[in-house]
C-alpha atoms as a PDB file:
ATOM      1  CA  UNK A   1       6.550  11.686  16.711  1.00  0.00           C
ATOM      2  CA  UNK A   2       6.150  13.890  13.641  1.00  0.00           C
ATOM      3  CA  UNK A   3       3.618  12.608  11.130  1.00  0.00           C
ATOM      4  CA  UNK A   4       5.892  11.000   8.578  1.00  0.00           C
ATOM      5  CA  UNK A   5       3.613  10.071   5.678  1.00  0.00           C
ATOM      6  CA  UNK A   6       3.169  12.666   2.939  1.00  0.00           C
ATOM      7  CA  UNK A   7      -0.604  13.219   2.643  1.00  0.00           C
ATOM      8  CA  UNK A   8      -0.490  13.467  -1.158  1.00  0.00           C
ATOM      9  CA  UNK A   9       1.207  10.085  -1.449  1.00  0.00           C
ATOM     10  CA  UNK A  10      -1.091   8.535   1.155  1.00  0.00           C
ATOM     11  CA  UNK A  11      -4.143   9.878  -0.704  1.00  0.00           C
ATOM     12  CA  UNK A  12      -2.804   8.399  -3.935  1.00  0.00           C
ATOM     13  CA  UNK A  13      -2.318   5.043  -2.240  1.00  0.00           C
ATOM     14  CA  UNK A  14      -5.838   5.135  -0.765  1.00  0.00           C
ATOM     15  CA  UNK A  15      -7.324   5.957  -4.183  1.00  0.00           C
ATOM     16  CA  UNK A  16      -5.437   3.164  -5.936  1.00  0.00           C
ATOM     17  CA  UNK A  17      -6.455   0.697  -3.219  1.00  0.00           C
ATOM     18  CA  UNK A  18     -10.102   1.740  -3.533  1.00  0.00           C
ATOM     19  CA  UNK A  19      -9.957   1.387  -7.341  1.00  0.00           C
ATOM     20  CA  UNK A  20      -8.377  -2.035  -6.962  1.00  0.00           C
ATOM     21  CA  UNK A  21     -11.058  -3.149  -4.523  1.00  0.00           C
ATOM     22  CA  UNK A  22     -13.711  -2.220  -7.076  1.00  0.00           C
ATOM     23  CA  UNK A  23     -12.332  -4.681  -9.641  1.00  0.00           C
ATOM     24  CA  UNK A  24     -10.935  -7.536  -7.515  1.00  0.00           C
ATOM     25  CA  UNK A  25     -12.882 -10.752  -8.080  1.00  0.00           C
ATOM     26  CA  UNK A  26     -11.025 -13.223  -5.841  1.00  0.00           C
ATOM     27  CA  UNK A  27     -12.822 -13.109  -2.442  1.00  0.00           C
ATOM     28  CA  UNK A  28      -9.653 -13.877  -0.461  1.00  0.00           C
ATOM     29  CA  UNK A  29      -7.672 -11.189  -2.268  1.00  0.00           C
ATOM     30  CA  UNK A  30     -10.553  -8.758  -1.684  1.00  0.00           C
ATOM     31  CA  UNK A  31     -10.522  -9.501   2.045  1.00  0.00           C
ATOM     32  CA  UNK A  32      -6.739  -9.064   2.122  1.00  0.00           C
ATOM     33  CA  UNK A  33      -6.983  -5.660   0.404  1.00  0.00           C
ATOM     34  CA  UNK A  34      -9.954  -4.549   2.499  1.00  0.00           C
ATOM     35  CA  UNK A  35      -7.859  -5.182   5.602  1.00  0.00           C
ATOM     36  CA  UNK A  36      -4.938  -3.271   4.059  1.00  0.00           C
ATOM     37  CA  UNK A  37      -7.258  -0.381   3.116  1.00  0.00           C
ATOM     38  CA  UNK A  38      -8.811  -0.034   6.564  1.00  0.00           C
ATOM     39  CA  UNK A  39      -5.395  -0.122   8.244  1.00  0.00           C
ATOM     40  CA  UNK A  40      -3.931   2.337   5.740  1.00  0.00           C
ATOM     41  CA  UNK A  41      -6.652   4.883   6.502  1.00  0.00           C
ATOM     42  CA  UNK A  42      -5.496   5.120  10.123  1.00  0.00           C
ATOM     43  CA  UNK A  43      -1.727   4.677   9.805  1.00  0.00           C
ATOM     44  CA  UNK A  44       0.077   7.407  11.738  1.00  0.00           C
ATOM     45  CA  UNK A  45       3.502   6.039  12.525  1.00  0.00           C
ATOM     46  CA  UNK A  46       6.431   4.749  10.570  1.00  0.00           C
ATOM     47  CA  UNK A  47       6.197   1.424  12.405  1.00  0.00           C
ATOM     48  CA  UNK A  48       2.564   0.965  11.345  1.00  0.00           C
ATOM     49  CA  UNK A  49       3.447   1.872   7.777  1.00  0.00           C
ATOM     50  CA  UNK A  50       6.290  -0.655   7.641  1.00  0.00           C
ATOM     51  CA  UNK A  51       4.009  -3.361   8.991  1.00  0.00           C
ATOM     52  CA  UNK A  52       1.271  -2.885   6.393  1.00  0.00           C
ATOM     53  CA  UNK A  53       3.808  -2.344   3.611  1.00  0.00           C
ATOM     54  CA  UNK A  54       5.381  -5.717   4.416  1.00  0.00           C
ATOM     55  CA  UNK A  55       1.950  -7.342   4.345  1.00  0.00           C
ATOM     56  CA  UNK A  56       1.110  -5.777   0.995  1.00  0.00           C
ATOM     57  CA  UNK A  57       4.487  -6.818  -0.416  1.00  0.00           C
ATOM     58  CA  UNK A  58       3.556 -10.426   0.325  1.00  0.00           C
ATOM     59  CA  UNK A  59       0.393 -10.290  -1.822  1.00  0.00           C
ATOM     60  CA  UNK A  60       2.105 -11.905  -4.793  1.00  0.00           C
ATOM     61  CA  UNK A  61       3.118 -14.914  -2.707  1.00  0.00           C
ATOM     62  CA  UNK A  62      -0.447 -15.842  -1.821  1.00  0.00           C
ATOM     63  CA  UNK A  63      -2.522 -18.123  -4.009  1.00  0.00           C
ATOM     64  CA  UNK A  64      -4.754 -15.315  -5.298  1.00  0.00           C
ATOM     65  CA  UNK A  65      -6.021 -15.396  -8.844  1.00  0.00           C
ATOM     66  CA  UNK A  66      -5.648 -12.007 -10.571  1.00  0.00           C
ATOM     67  CA  UNK A  67      -6.695 -10.798 -14.000  1.00  0.00           C
ATOM     68  CA  UNK A  68      -4.283  -8.634 -15.993  1.00  0.00           C
ATOM     69  CA  UNK A  69      -6.142  -5.442 -14.993  1.00  0.00           C
ATOM     70  CA  UNK A  70      -6.102  -6.478 -11.327  1.00  0.00           C
ATOM     71  CA  UNK A  71      -2.357  -7.134 -11.569  1.00  0.00           C
ATOM     72  CA  UNK A  72      -1.898  -3.703 -13.132  1.00  0.00           C
ATOM     73  CA  UNK A  73      -3.629  -2.041 -10.161  1.00  0.00           C
ATOM     74  CA  UNK A  74      -1.643  -4.101  -7.677  1.00  0.00           C
ATOM     75  CA  UNK A  75       1.523  -3.027  -9.468  1.00  0.00           C
ATOM     76  CA  UNK A  76       0.386   0.606  -9.082  1.00  0.00           C
ATOM     77  CA  UNK A  77      -0.153  -0.026  -5.360  1.00  0.00           C
ATOM     78  CA  UNK A  78       3.327  -1.441  -4.954  1.00  0.00           C
ATOM     79  CA  UNK A  79       4.839   1.465  -6.908  1.00  0.00           C
ATOM     80  CA  UNK A  80       3.071   3.958  -4.628  1.00  0.00           C
ATOM     81  CA  UNK A  81       4.458   2.082  -1.633  1.00  0.00           C
ATOM     82  CA  UNK A  82       7.912   2.232  -3.178  1.00  0.00           C
ATOM     83  CA  UNK A  83       7.509   5.993  -3.583  1.00  0.00           C
ATOM     84  CA  UNK A  84       6.783   6.291   0.143  1.00  0.00           C
ATOM     85  CA  UNK A  85       9.829   4.183   0.940  1.00  0.00           C
ATOM     86  CA  UNK A  86      12.006   6.446  -1.234  1.00  0.00           C
ATOM     87  CA  UNK A  87      10.638   9.539   0.519  1.00  0.00           C
ATOM     88  CA  UNK A  88      11.520   7.973   3.860  1.00  0.00           C
ATOM     89  CA  UNK A  89      14.977   7.100   2.615  1.00  0.00           C
ATOM     90  CA  UNK A  90      15.536  10.657   1.365  1.00  0.00           C
ATOM     91  CA  UNK A  91      14.358  12.124   4.687  1.00  0.00           C
ATOM     92  CA  UNK A  92      16.768   9.895   6.594  1.00  0.00           C
ATOM     93  CA  UNK A  93      19.701  10.897   4.379  1.00  0.00           C
ATOM     94  CA  UNK A  94      19.068  14.557   5.190  1.00  0.00           C
ATOM     95  CA  UNK A  95      19.282  13.803   8.905  1.00  0.00           C
ATOM     96  CA  UNK A  96      22.756  12.335   8.546  1.00  0.00           C
END
């Protein structure tokens, strides 16, 4: 399978996740994001990406306590994920 994830976008997502980890205070949210970060570093397939994206999308449904700056970084994470999803969508439309 061709490597599907644009390295520039993945690097951006890794950087935002690392920045977010530096400011997260809630220990459960930190553990959640640390798991996301370690899995993101090794993602190589579309299936893996979808799995961790779905997990990250659920972050707002957990009982984590976030400050406004933490929420801003999480929003940046979700926007980067959305960018990857749009890239995938565009690639699929070219196939058809």
